[in-house]
């Protein structure tokens, strides 16, 4: 297994700086599109690559990559817990579930699976006001069930780890669903899709999502590094037997 060590604090600072940079490039691109205009060559086309509301853009790729890193880190923890003695072994399934969830989120960030739910929700609850894009009507019950399932496991973790994981989840869901409601309200009120208000909403939405997943990744990394890997086939030799 490929192993490397990274300082969680440095990782979080790096990801935070990346998030701030992407938000800055997002607003710079918006300004270019509304000052230079699309008729002035390729510059504004390149600016779209950093549009936080676009699916096929650099921010979406970065988010997908960080989500996938969380999935890989959770998978590694699942393997460790599965081969560990004692009570830790019984908790490997929670790490495996996290790995599956973050793998899906990484895929969804690139493919946009949740957007297919908009038509389903529109069929049942309409498409007005905060329900303009109503995929979250279907997603919220799933998120609630997931939170209930994970709550018991979170209580078994160190206080600092569980607190940071919960905070990361609040940031991510707050961005993904909370600011989706704001965006829906703005669209229903007639705000232009390329206006400054929706550009700001996209910055908060994607910024909070990336902040949440960055905090989650660094929390898992810190937790993993606090528990050294032990080879199940070659357990550590007791000190009394080393003489």
Protein backbone atom coordinates (compact mmCIF):
# COMPACT_ATOMS: atom_id res chain seq x y z
CA UNK A 1 0.00 0.00 0.00
CA UNK A 2 1.29 3.45 -0.93
CA UNK A 3 1.76 5.50 2.21
CA UNK A 4 2.68 9.13 2.69
CA UNK A 5 2.50 11.64 5.50
CA UNK A 6 1.01 15.10 5.22
CA UNK A 7 0.45 17.66 7.94
CA UNK A 8 -3.33 18.09 8.33
CA UNK A 9 -2.93 21.78 9.23
CA UNK A 10 -0.88 22.44 6.09
CA UNK A 11 -3.37 20.48 3.99
CA UNK A 12 -6.28 22.53 5.35
CA UNK A 13 -4.45 25.80 4.73
CA UNK A 14 -3.65 24.73 1.17
CA UNK A 15 -7.24 23.74 0.42
CA UNK A 16 -8.56 26.93 2.02
CA UNK A 17 -6.21 29.02 -0.13
CA UNK A 18 -7.37 27.06 -3.19
CA UNK A 19 -11.02 27.72 -2.31
CA UNK A 20 -10.40 31.46 -1.88
CA UNK A 21 -8.51 31.53 -5.20
CA UNK A 22 -11.33 29.79 -7.04
CA UNK A 23 -13.89 32.22 -5.60
CA UNK A 24 -11.69 35.15 -6.67
CA UNK A 25 -11.30 33.75 -10.20
CA UNK A 26 -15.06 33.18 -10.33
CA UNK A 27 -15.78 36.88 -9.69
CA UNK A 28 -12.94 37.95 -11.99
CA UNK A 29 -14.48 35.84 -14.76
CA UNK A 30 -17.91 37.34 -14.12
CA UNK A 31 -16.44 40.83 -14.34
CA UNK A 32 -14.68 40.02 -17.60
CA UNK A 33 -17.87 38.68 -19.18
CA UNK A 34 -19.77 41.82 -18.23
CA UNK A 35 -17.11 44.39 -19.17
CA UNK A 36 -15.17 43.01 -22.12
CA UNK A 37 -18.06 40.98 -23.53
CA UNK A 38 -18.18 37.68 -25.39
CA UNK A 39 -17.36 39.30 -28.73
CA UNK A 40 -13.82 40.15 -27.63
CA UNK A 41 -12.07 36.86 -28.37
CA UNK A 42 -11.35 33.86 -26.16
CA UNK A 43 -10.68 35.63 -22.87
CA UNK A 44 -14.23 35.43 -21.60
CA UNK A 45 -14.48 31.82 -22.79
CA UNK A 46 -11.52 31.01 -20.57
CA UNK A 47 -13.22 32.91 -17.75
CA UNK A 48 -16.10 30.45 -17.91
CA UNK A 49 -13.70 27.69 -16.92
CA UNK A 50 -13.68 29.19 -13.42
CA UNK A 51 -17.44 29.74 -13.16
CA UNK A 52 -18.50 28.20 -9.83
CA UNK A 53 -22.01 27.56 -11.14
CA UNK A 54 -20.81 25.63 -14.21
CA UNK A 55 -20.62 21.83 -14.28
CA UNK A 56 -17.79 21.52 -16.81
CA UNK A 57 -15.32 23.88 -15.14
CA UNK A 58 -12.19 23.84 -13.02
CA UNK A 59 -14.01 24.37 -9.65
CA UNK A 60 -16.24 21.34 -10.32
CA UNK A 61 -13.15 19.27 -11.14
CA UNK A 62 -11.39 20.40 -7.94
CA UNK A 63 -14.47 19.60 -5.82
CA UNK A 64 -14.77 16.19 -7.43
CA UNK A 65 -11.08 15.47 -6.80
CA UNK A 66 -11.25 16.45 -3.11
CA UNK A 67 -14.42 14.40 -2.63
CA UNK A 68 -12.66 11.42 -4.19
CA UNK A 69 -9.69 11.93 -1.84
CA UNK A 70 -12.09 11.73 1.11
CA UNK A 71 -13.52 8.51 -0.33
CA UNK A 72 -10.02 7.04 -0.64
CA UNK A 73 -9.09 8.12 2.90
CA UNK A 74 -12.31 6.60 4.27
CA UNK A 75 -11.64 3.39 2.34
CA UNK A 76 -8.19 3.19 3.90
CA UNK A 77 -9.70 3.63 7.36
CA UNK A 78 -12.25 0.92 6.59
CA UNK A 79 -9.43 -1.51 5.76
CA UNK A 80 -7.57 -0.58 8.95
CA UNK A 81 -10.67 -1.02 11.10
CA UNK A 82 -11.55 -4.31 9.38
CA UNK A 83 -8.18 -5.83 10.29
CA UNK A 84 -7.86 -4.22 13.73
CA UNK A 85 -8.47 -6.19 16.91
CA UNK A 86 -11.14 -5.35 19.44
CA UNK A 87 -13.98 -2.87 19.11
CA UNK A 88 -12.47 -0.94 16.22
CA UNK A 89 -13.16 -3.89 13.92
CA UNK A 90 -16.88 -3.59 14.46
CA UNK A 91 -16.88 -0.03 13.13
CA UNK A 92 -15.30 -0.68 9.74
CA UNK A 93 -18.73 -0.61 8.07
CA UNK A 94 -19.20 3.08 8.92
CA UNK A 95 -15.95 3.99 7.19
CA UNK A 96 -16.98 1.86 4.20
CA UNK A 97 -20.33 3.67 4.06
CA UNK A 98 -18.54 7.02 4.13
CA UNK A 99 -16.32 5.85 1.27
CA UNK A 100 -19.38 4.92 -0.80
CA UNK A 101 -21.16 8.20 -0.08
CA UNK A 102 -18.15 10.34 -0.99
CA UNK A 103 -17.51 8.29 -4.11
CA UNK A 104 -21.07 9.05 -5.21
CA UNK A 105 -20.66 12.75 -4.35
CA UNK A 106 -17.47 12.88 -6.41
CA UNK A 107 -19.27 11.29 -9.35
CA UNK A 108 -22.26 13.59 -8.94
CA UNK A 109 -20.05 16.68 -8.93
CA UNK A 110 -18.81 15.74 -12.39
CA UNK A 111 -21.85 14.08 -13.94
CA UNK A 112 -24.64 16.04 -12.22
CA UNK A 113 -26.77 13.06 -11.21
CA UNK A 114 -28.80 15.12 -8.73
CA UNK A 115 -29.98 17.42 -11.52
CA UNK A 116 -32.01 14.55 -12.93
CA UNK A 117 -34.07 14.71 -9.74
CA UNK A 118 -35.29 18.20 -10.64
CA UNK A 119 -37.77 16.80 -13.16
CA UNK A 120 -38.96 14.17 -10.67
CA UNK A 121 -39.55 16.72 -7.92
CA UNK A 122 -41.22 19.15 -10.37
CA UNK A 123 -43.74 16.45 -11.25
CA UNK A 124 -44.88 16.22 -7.61
CA UNK A 125 -44.33 19.65 -6.05
CA UNK A 126 -44.13 22.01 -9.02
CA UNK A 127 -41.35 24.40 -9.93
CA UNK A 128 -42.00 27.71 -8.24
CA UNK A 129 -40.27 29.76 -5.56
CA UNK A 130 -37.71 27.82 -3.54
CA UNK A 131 -38.75 24.70 -5.47
CA UNK A 132 -37.42 26.08 -8.77
CA UNK A 133 -34.80 23.33 -8.62
CA UNK A 134 -36.33 20.87 -6.20
CA UNK A 135 -33.86 17.97 -6.16
CA UNK A 136 -33.24 18.59 -2.46
CA UNK A 137 -36.84 17.57 -1.64
CA UNK A 138 -35.76 14.03 -2.44
CA UNK A 139 -32.23 14.43 -1.08
CA UNK A 140 -33.13 15.82 2.37
CA UNK A 141 -34.81 12.64 3.72
CA UNK A 142 -31.80 10.62 2.53
CA UNK A 143 -29.44 13.04 4.28
CA UNK A 144 -31.52 12.83 7.47
CA UNK A 145 -31.43 9.01 7.49
CA UNK A 146 -27.68 9.05 6.82
CA UNK A 147 -27.13 11.48 9.73
CA UNK A 148 -29.13 9.25 12.09
CA UNK A 149 -27.18 6.17 11.03
CA UNK A 150 -23.83 7.91 11.57
CA UNK A 151 -24.77 9.65 14.85
CA UNK A 152 -24.08 6.62 17.04
CA UNK A 153 -20.71 6.02 15.38
CA UNK A 154 -19.69 9.66 15.76
CA UNK A 155 -20.14 9.36 19.52
CA UNK A 156 -17.45 6.66 19.58
CA UNK A 157 -14.85 8.96 18.03
CA UNK A 158 -12.70 11.49 19.89
CA UNK A 159 -14.61 14.67 20.65
CA UNK A 160 -12.41 16.84 18.42
CA UNK A 161 -12.78 14.45 15.48
CA UNK A 162 -16.55 14.09 15.73
CA UNK A 163 -17.07 17.84 16.23
CA UNK A 164 -15.03 18.67 13.14
CA UNK A 165 -16.85 16.03 11.10
CA UNK A 166 -20.23 17.45 12.12
CA UNK A 167 -19.07 20.99 11.34
CA UNK A 168 -17.81 19.81 7.93
CA UNK A 169 -21.18 18.22 7.23
CA UNK A 170 -23.05 21.39 8.23
CA UNK A 171 -20.86 23.49 5.92
CA UNK A 172 -21.31 21.10 3.00
CA UNK A 173 -25.07 20.62 3.36
CA UNK A 174 -25.54 24.31 4.16
CA UNK A 175 -23.85 25.20 0.90
CA UNK A 176 -25.41 22.48 -1.24
CA UNK A 177 -28.98 22.82 0.02
CA UNK A 178 -29.13 26.05 2.02
CA UNK A 179 -27.84 28.30 -0.74
CA UNK A 180 -29.69 26.27 -3.35
CA UNK A 181 -32.83 27.64 -1.69
CA UNK A 182 -31.44 31.16 -1.98
CA UNK A 183 -30.66 30.62 -5.65
CA UNK A 184 -34.14 29.25 -6.28
CA UNK A 185 -35.71 32.28 -4.63
CA UNK A 186 -33.59 34.64 -6.73
CA UNK A 187 -34.46 32.85 -9.97
CA UNK A 188 -38.16 32.86 -9.13
CA UNK A 189 -37.96 36.56 -8.39
CA UNK A 190 -36.72 37.14 -11.93
CA UNK A 191 -33.04 37.69 -11.24
CA UNK A 192 -30.94 37.03 -14.38
CA UNK A 193 -28.97 33.79 -14.32
CA UNK A 194 -25.76 35.69 -15.13
CA UNK A 195 -26.42 38.55 -12.70
CA UNK A 196 -24.26 39.53 -9.75
CA UNK A 197 -26.72 38.20 -7.15
CA UNK A 198 -26.71 34.67 -8.54
CA UNK A 199 -22.95 34.87 -9.09
CA UNK A 200 -22.59 35.70 -5.38
CA UNK A 201 -24.98 32.91 -4.41
CA UNK A 202 -22.89 30.44 -6.44
CA UNK A 203 -19.74 31.65 -4.69
CA UNK A 204 -21.25 31.01 -1.26
CA UNK A 205 -22.76 27.68 -2.30
CA UNK A 206 -19.65 26.18 -3.87
CA UNK A 207 -17.31 27.87 -1.40
CA UNK A 208 -19.11 26.32 1.57
CA UNK A 209 -19.24 22.92 -0.12
CA UNK A 210 -15.51 22.91 -0.82
CA UNK A 211 -14.75 24.25 2.67
CA UNK A 212 -16.82 21.47 4.23
CA UNK A 213 -15.24 18.66 2.26
CA UNK A 214 -11.75 20.13 2.84
CA UNK A 215 -12.34 20.16 6.59
CA UNK A 216 -13.66 16.59 6.44
CA UNK A 217 -10.62 15.38 4.50
CA UNK A 218 -8.13 16.96 6.91
CA UNK A 219 -10.08 15.57 9.88
CA UNK A 220 -9.90 12.02 8.50
CA UNK A 221 -6.19 12.45 7.72
CA UNK A 222 -5.49 13.72 11.26
CA UNK A 223 -7.48 10.86 12.77
CA UNK A 224 -5.63 8.30 10.63
CA UNK A 225 -2.24 9.69 11.57
CA UNK A 226 -3.12 9.52 15.25
CA UNK A 227 -3.57 5.75 14.83
CA UNK A 228 -0.46 4.17 13.25
CA UNK A 229 -0.97 1.40 10.71
CA UNK A 230 -0.32 -2.04 12.12
CA UNK A 231 0.33 -5.00 9.89
CA UNK A 232 -2.24 -7.64 10.86
CA UNK A 233 0.04 -10.40 9.58
CA UNK A 234 3.03 -9.13 11.62
CA UNK A 235 1.74 -7.64 14.89
CA UNK A 236 4.18 -5.59 17.00
CA UNK A 237 6.44 -7.66 19.21
CA UNK A 238 6.02 -6.99 22.94
CA UNK A 239 8.96 -5.23 24.57
CA UNK A 240 9.56 -8.21 26.88
CA UNK A 241 10.11 -10.46 23.88
CA UNK A 242 12.64 -8.20 22.15
CA UNK A 243 15.52 -8.80 24.55
